[in-house]
């Protein structure tokens, strides 16, 4: 059986390029008297997506990624509209921690987002679009906004209001008692959190270090060979657990009984398990045990004080919601000129969709009697994760013929 929902994991490791000093990263605010600036974002399929405007005319969308040290253009085509000059080639290791890929460094780009202006910023350009974000977000995405842009601010992420607030550190006032103070460590501009894990009800808590990664559209990823007590649960689904810079990541999907930190506790957490290669340099990944992504972070309002290595977190009304997963057995991707055509990329064996007769490559035209163009990719994913026992009716096109199928959602994990 293979995993039914593709996640994208944006953990990028840079070989041979030291972090640039802060004084080489000039920032400007439109109004220098402002204490802070607010940047609205879109939230699609568990990605924070913000709009960047290059050279005051080119509008783009970038994923806001605390797990990336530097900013990256993934769609090289936009460079034909921008003045640029490659400085040198850079090697990148992706989330699979095995393949080294090629990118090019551009010395300086100017762009704005909200009221924040960033001038002469170093940007990496991928040789190819390895991610194809549009298939999994339903939006055209042009790159990744990394920590070199926002690390000099206190960063507040409000998932409910869909606003990122950047505050100058010298003007930041710690929030009130509704927020809990959470110690973090900053390494190469990336935040790490100490947690306790319980793999099952009877196990002892396991201390673990996790990367706080807003570029990961998952709840939790654990490297099951990074600690002797981090073991696969009895009930797992094997296959591609997600997609990273190096391609699809092989592993398992299961549940961790409990994750706890600073008085917060979450149960039955959906967890991607990836086994690290034995020749991985532990310094490259800062000896971490895994990743904590947006499906957990979205349950909080999060403030990251990079300078003082402190996070402040306040639960929102989604904090206690169960961690739901697809109950159909379908992996669906967006395509077409307007990204409103939805194709079944794969079907899990022995799942409700497979038992109904759906196949790889089928194009969905109707869902429960409604034309598919009325839905976003996130709407479809949400509908296929509904309560067990819900009925789903699909009309699909296969070989220029229409077919109708019915199935009942069932918990796969």
Protein backbone atom coordinates (compact mmCIF):
# COMPACT_ATOMS: atom_id res chain seq x y z
CA UNK A 1 0.00 0.00 0.00
CA UNK A 2 1.35 3.49 -0.76
CA UNK A 3 0.70 6.75 1.01
CA UNK A 4 -2.40 8.47 -0.29
CA UNK A 5 -1.63 12.15 0.19
CA UNK A 6 1.59 13.61 -1.15
CA UNK A 7 3.24 16.13 1.15
CA UNK A 8 6.04 18.41 0.10
CA UNK A 9 8.94 18.79 2.45
CA UNK A 10 11.14 21.83 1.94
CA UNK A 11 14.27 21.06 3.93
CA UNK A 12 17.26 22.28 1.99
CA UNK A 13 20.92 21.90 2.86
CA UNK A 14 23.51 24.05 1.16
CA UNK A 15 26.99 22.74 0.42
CA UNK A 16 29.89 25.15 0.19
CA UNK A 17 27.99 28.39 0.79
CA UNK A 18 28.36 30.02 4.19
CA UNK A 19 25.53 32.06 5.65
CA UNK A 20 25.93 35.69 4.63
CA UNK A 21 26.38 38.16 7.49
CA UNK A 22 23.39 40.26 8.47
CA UNK A 23 25.04 43.54 7.44
CA UNK A 24 25.08 42.26 3.84
CA UNK A 25 21.30 41.82 3.89
CA UNK A 26 19.81 45.34 3.84
CA UNK A 27 16.12 45.68 4.63
CA UNK A 28 13.80 48.62 4.32
CA UNK A 29 10.29 49.38 5.49
CA UNK A 30 8.08 51.65 3.44
CA UNK A 31 7.49 53.68 6.59
CA UNK A 32 10.59 53.57 8.79
CA UNK A 33 8.58 54.85 11.77
CA UNK A 34 6.51 51.69 11.73
CA UNK A 35 7.08 49.28 14.60
CA UNK A 36 6.02 46.30 12.50
CA UNK A 37 4.63 45.27 9.14
CA UNK A 38 1.89 42.78 8.33
CA UNK A 39 2.06 40.47 5.33
CA UNK A 40 -1.14 38.64 4.33
CA UNK A 41 -0.80 35.09 3.06
CA UNK A 42 -2.81 32.39 1.34
CA UNK A 43 -3.00 29.02 3.06
CA UNK A 44 -3.47 26.16 0.60
CA UNK A 45 -3.02 22.46 1.34
CA UNK A 46 -1.06 23.38 4.46
CA UNK A 47 1.37 25.78 2.78
CA UNK A 48 1.92 29.44 3.70
CA UNK A 49 2.01 31.29 0.38
CA UNK A 50 2.91 34.96 0.13
CA UNK A 51 3.00 37.30 -2.84
CA UNK A 52 6.33 38.82 -3.86
CA UNK A 53 6.70 41.64 -6.37
CA UNK A 54 10.08 41.71 -8.12
CA UNK A 55 11.49 44.99 -9.45
CA UNK A 56 8.13 46.63 -8.81
CA UNK A 57 6.34 44.92 -11.70
CA UNK A 58 6.57 41.10 -11.64
CA UNK A 59 4.01 39.45 -9.34
CA UNK A 60 4.90 36.00 -8.00
CA UNK A 61 3.96 33.57 -5.23
CA UNK A 62 6.53 32.10 -2.85
CA UNK A 63 6.22 29.58 -0.02
CA UNK A 64 7.21 30.99 3.37
CA UNK A 65 9.71 28.48 4.70
CA UNK A 66 11.40 28.53 8.11
CA UNK A 67 13.16 25.29 7.10
CA UNK A 68 15.12 26.92 4.25
CA UNK A 69 18.24 28.91 5.00
CA UNK A 70 18.06 30.96 1.79
CA UNK A 71 15.54 32.13 -0.78
CA UNK A 72 15.12 30.04 -3.93
CA UNK A 73 13.50 30.60 -7.31
CA UNK A 74 12.09 27.24 -8.44
CA UNK A 75 10.68 28.44 -11.77
CA UNK A 76 13.66 29.69 -13.75
CA UNK A 77 11.34 31.05 -16.47
CA UNK A 78 10.60 34.20 -14.45
CA UNK A 79 14.22 35.30 -14.92
CA UNK A 80 13.48 36.35 -18.49
CA UNK A 81 11.58 39.28 -16.97
CA UNK A 82 14.35 40.22 -14.51
CA UNK A 83 17.90 41.57 -14.75
CA UNK A 84 20.24 39.00 -13.24
CA UNK A 85 23.73 37.57 -13.38
CA UNK A 86 24.80 34.18 -12.09
CA UNK A 87 27.69 34.42 -9.63
CA UNK A 88 28.48 30.76 -9.15
CA UNK A 89 27.04 27.29 -8.95
CA UNK A 90 25.79 25.96 -5.60
CA UNK A 91 25.23 22.36 -4.52
CA UNK A 92 22.05 21.57 -2.58
CA UNK A 93 21.06 18.46 -0.67
CA UNK A 94 17.30 17.98 -0.48
CA UNK A 95 14.94 16.42 2.05
CA UNK A 96 15.82 12.91 0.88
CA UNK A 97 19.34 13.61 2.22
CA UNK A 98 20.91 11.61 -0.58
CA UNK A 99 20.91 13.46 -3.90
CA UNK A 100 23.00 16.57 -4.53
CA UNK A 101 21.40 18.92 -7.02
CA UNK A 102 22.57 21.98 -8.90
CA UNK A 103 21.49 25.58 -8.42
CA UNK A 104 22.90 29.00 -9.37
CA UNK A 105 23.51 31.96 -7.09
CA UNK A 106 22.31 35.43 -8.10
CA UNK A 107 24.07 38.17 -6.15
CA UNK A 108 21.15 40.52 -5.67
CA UNK A 109 17.41 40.79 -6.28
CA UNK A 110 14.99 43.53 -5.22
CA UNK A 111 11.44 42.68 -4.20
CA UNK A 112 8.61 43.71 -1.92
CA UNK A 113 5.93 41.86 0.00
CA UNK A 114 3.31 43.76 1.92
CA UNK A 115 5.13 46.84 3.25
CA UNK A 116 8.47 45.09 3.45
CA UNK A 117 11.10 45.91 0.89
CA UNK A 118 14.18 43.74 0.46
CA UNK A 119 17.04 45.08 -1.64
CA UNK A 120 20.02 43.35 -3.21
CA UNK A 121 19.13 39.95 -1.77
CA UNK A 122 21.06 36.78 -2.69
CA UNK A 123 18.76 34.26 -4.37
CA UNK A 124 19.32 30.71 -5.57
CA UNK A 125 17.84 29.52 -8.86
CA UNK A 126 17.16 25.83 -9.36
CA UNK A 127 18.32 24.39 -12.65
CA UNK A 128 14.96 22.60 -12.95
CA UNK A 129 11.58 22.88 -11.23
CA UNK A 130 12.00 19.79 -9.06
CA UNK A 131 8.93 20.51 -6.92
CA UNK A 132 6.07 21.35 -9.34
CA UNK A 133 4.19 22.97 -6.46
CA UNK A 134 1.18 23.77 -8.63
CA UNK A 135 0.19 20.10 -8.75
CA UNK A 136 -0.19 19.96 -4.97
CA UNK A 137 -1.33 23.49 -4.12
CA UNK A 138 -3.55 24.32 -7.11
CA UNK A 139 -1.67 27.65 -7.40
CA UNK A 140 1.29 28.78 -9.47
CA UNK A 141 4.26 28.91 -7.10
CA UNK A 142 7.54 30.44 -8.19
CA UNK A 143 9.86 29.81 -5.27
CA UNK A 144 10.65 29.55 -1.57
CA UNK A 145 11.14 32.53 0.74
CA UNK A 146 13.91 31.50 3.13
CA UNK A 147 15.20 32.80 6.45
CA UNK A 148 17.74 35.20 4.94
CA UNK A 149 14.77 37.55 4.39
CA UNK A 150 13.05 37.42 7.78
CA UNK A 151 15.63 36.22 10.33
CA UNK A 152 16.40 39.79 11.48
CA UNK A 153 12.81 40.26 12.65
CA UNK A 154 10.58 38.74 15.28
CA UNK A 155 8.21 36.65 13.16
CA UNK A 156 4.57 36.15 14.17
CA UNK A 157 2.45 33.68 12.18
CA UNK A 158 -1.31 33.90 12.72
CA UNK A 159 -2.79 30.91 10.88
CA UNK A 160 -6.38 31.96 11.63
CA UNK A 161 -6.08 35.54 10.33
CA UNK A 162 -3.61 34.43 7.62
CA UNK A 163 -1.17 37.18 8.46
CA UNK A 164 2.59 37.19 9.11
CA UNK A 165 3.76 40.09 11.28
CA UNK A 166 7.42 41.15 11.25
CA UNK A 167 8.57 43.28 14.20
CA UNK A 168 11.92 44.96 14.73
CA UNK A 169 13.59 43.11 17.62
CA UNK A 170 14.38 46.27 19.58
CA UNK A 171 10.70 47.24 19.47
CA UNK A 172 9.24 43.81 20.26
CA UNK A 173 7.29 43.36 23.49
CA UNK A 174 6.76 39.73 24.63
CA UNK A 175 3.08 38.75 24.42
CA UNK A 176 0.74 38.29 27.38
CA UNK A 177 0.01 35.25 29.52
CA UNK A 178 -2.16 33.58 26.87
CA UNK A 179 1.08 32.69 25.10
CA UNK A 180 3.47 30.06 26.45
CA UNK A 181 7.19 30.69 26.28
CA UNK A 182 8.89 27.85 24.38
CA UNK A 183 12.70 27.56 24.24
CA UNK A 184 14.13 26.97 20.75
CA UNK A 185 17.60 26.73 19.23
CA UNK A 186 18.60 28.59 16.07
CA UNK A 187 21.13 26.85 13.84
CA UNK A 188 21.96 28.21 10.39
CA UNK A 189 18.90 30.48 10.67
CA UNK A 190 16.55 27.53 11.27
CA UNK A 191 14.55 26.99 14.50
CA UNK A 192 14.71 23.69 16.41
CA UNK A 193 12.41 22.55 19.21
CA UNK A 194 12.96 19.98 21.98
CA UNK A 195 9.96 17.66 22.45
CA UNK A 196 9.01 14.43 24.20
CA UNK A 197 7.55 11.64 22.09
CA UNK A 198 5.55 8.58 23.11
CA UNK A 199 5.42 6.02 20.34
CA UNK A 200 2.62 4.04 22.03
CA UNK A 201 0.54 4.17 25.19
CA UNK A 202 2.90 2.06 27.27
CA UNK A 203 6.23 3.54 26.14
CA UNK A 204 8.39 5.98 28.05
CA UNK A 205 8.81 9.54 26.74
CA UNK A 206 11.62 9.93 24.21
CA UNK A 207 13.51 13.27 24.07
CA UNK A 208 13.78 14.47 20.48
CA UNK A 209 14.94 17.50 18.51
CA UNK A 210 12.68 18.68 15.67
CA UNK A 211 13.07 21.33 13.00
CA UNK A 212 10.15 23.82 13.01
CA UNK A 213 9.44 23.84 9.29
CA UNK A 214 6.68 25.93 7.72
CA UNK A 215 7.78 24.49 4.37
CA UNK A 216 6.53 21.02 5.32
CA UNK A 217 2.87 20.27 4.63
CA UNK A 218 2.81 17.50 7.23
CA UNK A 219 2.30 17.21 10.98
CA UNK A 220 5.37 15.25 12.03
CA UNK A 221 8.25 13.45 10.36
CA UNK A 222 10.56 11.19 12.38
CA UNK A 223 13.81 9.60 11.31
CA UNK A 224 13.21 6.17 12.77
CA UNK A 225 16.90 5.28 12.89
CA UNK A 226 17.93 8.52 14.66
CA UNK A 227 17.11 7.16 18.14
CA UNK A 228 16.89 3.54 19.33
CA UNK A 229 13.41 4.08 20.82
CA UNK A 230 11.88 5.75 17.74
CA UNK A 231 10.32 2.71 16.14
CA UNK A 232 7.61 2.13 13.57
CA UNK A 233 4.13 1.65 15.03
CA UNK A 234 2.27 -1.59 14.36
CA UNK A 235 -0.14 0.03 11.92
CA UNK A 236 1.68 1.76 9.04
CA UNK A 237 1.25 2.46 5.35
CA UNK A 238 4.36 1.95 3.23
CA UNK A 239 5.37 3.94 0.19
CA UNK A 240 6.15 7.51 -0.87
CA UNK A 241 5.71 9.62 2.27
CA UNK A 242 6.24 12.91 0.52
CA UNK A 243 8.13 14.89 -2.06
CA UNK A 244 11.37 16.76 -1.45
CA UNK A 245 14.00 18.46 -3.53
CA UNK A 246 15.57 15.13 -4.47
CA UNK A 247 12.28 13.54 -5.52
CA UNK A 248 9.85 11.25 -3.73
CA UNK A 249 10.79 10.15 -0.21
CA UNK A 250 10.43 6.47 0.62
CA UNK A 251 9.17 5.55 4.06
CA UNK A 252 6.08 4.83 6.12
CA UNK A 253 3.07 6.71 7.42
CA UNK A 254 1.71 5.91 10.87
CA UNK A 255 0.76 7.63 14.11
CA UNK A 256 2.76 8.76 17.12
CA UNK A 257 0.79 8.29 20.33
CA UNK A 258 1.82 11.63 21.83
CA UNK A 259 4.02 14.65 21.25
CA UNK A 260 4.57 17.04 24.16
CA UNK A 261 6.50 20.29 24.67
CA UNK A 262 6.24 23.20 27.13
CA UNK A 263 2.93 21.91 28.53
CA UNK A 264 1.31 21.26 25.15
CA UNK A 265 0.23 17.70 24.34
CA UNK A 266 -1.21 16.25 21.14
CA UNK A 267 -2.40 12.69 20.65
CA UNK A 268 -2.52 10.24 17.73
CA UNK A 269 -0.38 12.49 15.58
CA UNK A 270 -0.03 11.54 11.90
CA UNK A 271 3.65 10.82 11.39
CA UNK A 272 5.85 10.28 8.36
CA UNK A 273 8.73 7.90 9.10
CA UNK A 274 11.89 8.24 7.02
CA UNK A 275 15.07 6.24 7.57
CA UNK A 276 18.22 8.27 7.17
CA UNK A 277 21.09 6.98 5.08
CA UNK A 278 23.91 5.64 7.24
CA UNK A 279 26.47 7.96 5.64
CA UNK A 280 24.63 11.21 6.43
CA UNK A 281 26.75 13.76 8.29
CA UNK A 282 24.87 14.48 11.54
CA UNK A 283 26.23 18.05 11.48
CA UNK A 284 24.38 18.61 8.21
CA UNK A 285 21.03 18.01 9.89
CA UNK A 286 22.07 19.37 13.31
CA UNK A 287 21.51 15.90 14.84
CA UNK A 288 17.76 16.33 14.55
CA UNK A 289 15.28 13.50 14.94
CA UNK A 290 12.74 14.89 12.52
CA UNK A 291 10.51 17.75 11.41
CA UNK A 292 7.48 19.46 12.91
CA UNK A 293 5.37 20.92 10.11
CA UNK A 294 2.32 23.03 9.40
CA UNK A 295 -0.33 20.47 10.37
CA UNK A 296 0.83 20.96 13.96
CA UNK A 297 1.92 24.60 13.75
CA UNK A 298 -1.44 25.65 12.26
CA UNK A 299 -3.04 24.77 15.62
CA UNK A 300 -1.24 27.72 17.20
CA UNK A 301 -0.44 31.36 16.80
CA UNK A 302 3.35 31.24 16.64
CA UNK A 303 5.95 33.93 17.41
CA UNK A 304 9.62 33.23 16.62
CA UNK A 305 12.17 35.46 18.34
CA UNK A 306 15.32 34.45 16.46
CA UNK A 307 17.60 36.79 18.36
CA UNK A 308 16.72 35.43 21.82
CA UNK A 309 16.00 31.83 20.71
CA UNK A 310 12.47 31.87 22.11
CA UNK A 311 9.12 30.95 20.58
CA UNK A 312 5.78 32.07 21.98
CA UNK A 313 2.80 29.85 21.17
CA UNK A 314 -0.92 30.24 21.80
CA UNK A 315 -3.36 27.45 20.87
CA UNK A 316 -6.23 28.34 18.57
CA UNK A 317 -9.59 26.57 18.29
CA UNK A 318 -8.07 23.81 16.11
CA UNK A 319 -5.65 22.73 18.83
CA UNK A 320 -7.60 19.65 19.94
CA UNK A 321 -8.94 18.63 16.52
CA UNK A 322 -8.06 15.06 15.48
CA UNK A 323 -5.36 14.54 12.87
CA UNK A 324 -7.33 13.42 9.83
CA UNK A 325 -5.97 11.61 6.80
CA UNK A 326 -7.34 10.69 3.40
CA UNK A 327 -9.93 7.89 3.59
CA UNK A 328 -10.39 7.26 -0.13
CA UNK A 329 -7.05 5.93 -1.34
CA UNK A 330 -6.66 8.61 -4.02
CA UNK A 331 -3.72 10.88 -4.79
CA UNK A 332 -5.08 13.78 -6.86
CA UNK A 333 -3.05 16.49 -8.60
CA UNK A 334 -4.04 19.76 -10.26
CA UNK A 335 -3.31 20.56 -13.89
CA UNK A 336 -4.50 22.44 -16.94
CA UNK A 337 -4.01 26.08 -17.87
CA UNK A 338 -6.03 27.31 -14.88
CA UNK A 339 -5.06 24.47 -12.52
CA UNK A 340 -8.73 23.44 -12.26
CA UNK A 341 -8.37 20.04 -13.91
CA UNK A 342 -7.90 17.24 -11.39
CA UNK A 343 -6.31 13.93 -12.26
CA UNK A 344 -5.90 10.79 -10.18
CA UNK A 345 -2.15 10.34 -9.93
CA UNK A 346 -2.34 7.01 -8.10
CA UNK A 347 -4.78 4.69 -6.30
CA UNK A 348 -3.88 2.77 -3.15
CA UNK A 349 -4.37 -0.99 -3.44
CA UNK A 350 -7.26 -2.39 -1.36
CA UNK A 351 -8.58 1.11 -0.64
CA UNK A 352 -12.22 2.21 -1.17
CA UNK A 353 -11.30 3.92 -4.46
CA UNK A 354 -9.42 0.86 -5.73
CA UNK A 355 -12.27 -1.45 -4.79
CA UNK A 356 -14.68 0.81 -6.68
CA UNK A 357 -12.59 0.52 -9.87
CA UNK A 358 -10.88 3.92 -10.13
CA UNK A 359 -7.52 3.95 -11.92
CA UNK A 360 -4.36 6.00 -12.29
CA UNK A 361 -4.80 8.69 -14.93
CA UNK A 362 -8.58 9.08 -14.55
CA UNK A 363 -9.69 12.70 -14.86
CA UNK A 364 -12.37 13.76 -12.37
CA UNK A 365 -15.27 15.74 -13.84
CA UNK A 366 -17.88 15.66 -11.03
CA UNK A 367 -17.84 15.12 -7.27
CA UNK A 368 -21.13 14.26 -5.59
CA UNK A 369 -23.02 15.73 -8.52
CA UNK A 370 -21.13 19.02 -8.64
CA UNK A 371 -18.74 19.99 -11.48
CA UNK A 372 -15.15 19.71 -10.39
CA UNK A 373 -14.25 23.28 -11.37
CA UNK A 374 -16.26 24.47 -8.37
CA UNK A 375 -13.65 22.86 -6.08
CA UNK A 376 -10.10 23.74 -5.15
CA UNK A 377 -7.53 21.00 -4.62
CA UNK A 378 -7.76 21.64 -0.89
CA UNK A 379 -11.58 21.32 -1.01
CA UNK A 380 -11.22 17.90 -2.64
CA UNK A 381 -8.59 16.75 -0.14
CA UNK A 382 -10.78 17.87 2.75
CA UNK A 383 -13.83 16.06 1.35
CA UNK A 384 -11.86 12.81 1.01
CA UNK A 385 -10.72 13.09 4.64
CA UNK A 386 -14.24 13.38 6.07
CA UNK A 387 -15.89 11.07 8.58
CA UNK A 388 -15.61 7.34 8.02
CA UNK A 389 -18.78 6.05 6.34
CA UNK A 390 -19.38 9.14 4.20
CA UNK A 391 -20.38 8.29 0.62
CA UNK A 392 -18.51 9.76 -2.35
CA UNK A 393 -19.74 9.76 -5.97
CA UNK A 394 -17.24 10.54 -8.72
CA UNK A 395 -17.70 10.98 -12.43
CA UNK A 396 -14.45 10.52 -14.32
CA UNK A 397 -13.22 10.60 -17.91
CA UNK A 398 -11.13 7.69 -19.16
CA UNK A 399 -10.20 7.16 -22.81
CA UNK A 400 -12.73 9.85 -23.85
CA UNK A 401 -15.55 8.02 -22.07
CA UNK A 402 -17.35 8.97 -18.87
CA UNK A 403 -17.70 6.55 -15.97
CA UNK A 404 -19.44 6.87 -12.60
CA UNK A 405 -18.17 5.35 -9.36
CA UNK A 406 -19.31 5.23 -5.76
CA UNK A 407 -17.39 4.33 -2.62
CA UNK A 408 -17.57 4.80 1.14
CA UNK A 409 -14.76 6.50 3.03
CA UNK A 410 -12.83 4.20 5.35
CA UNK A 411 -9.95 4.86 7.73
CA UNK A 412 -6.73 3.60 6.17
CA UNK A 413 -4.48 4.34 9.14
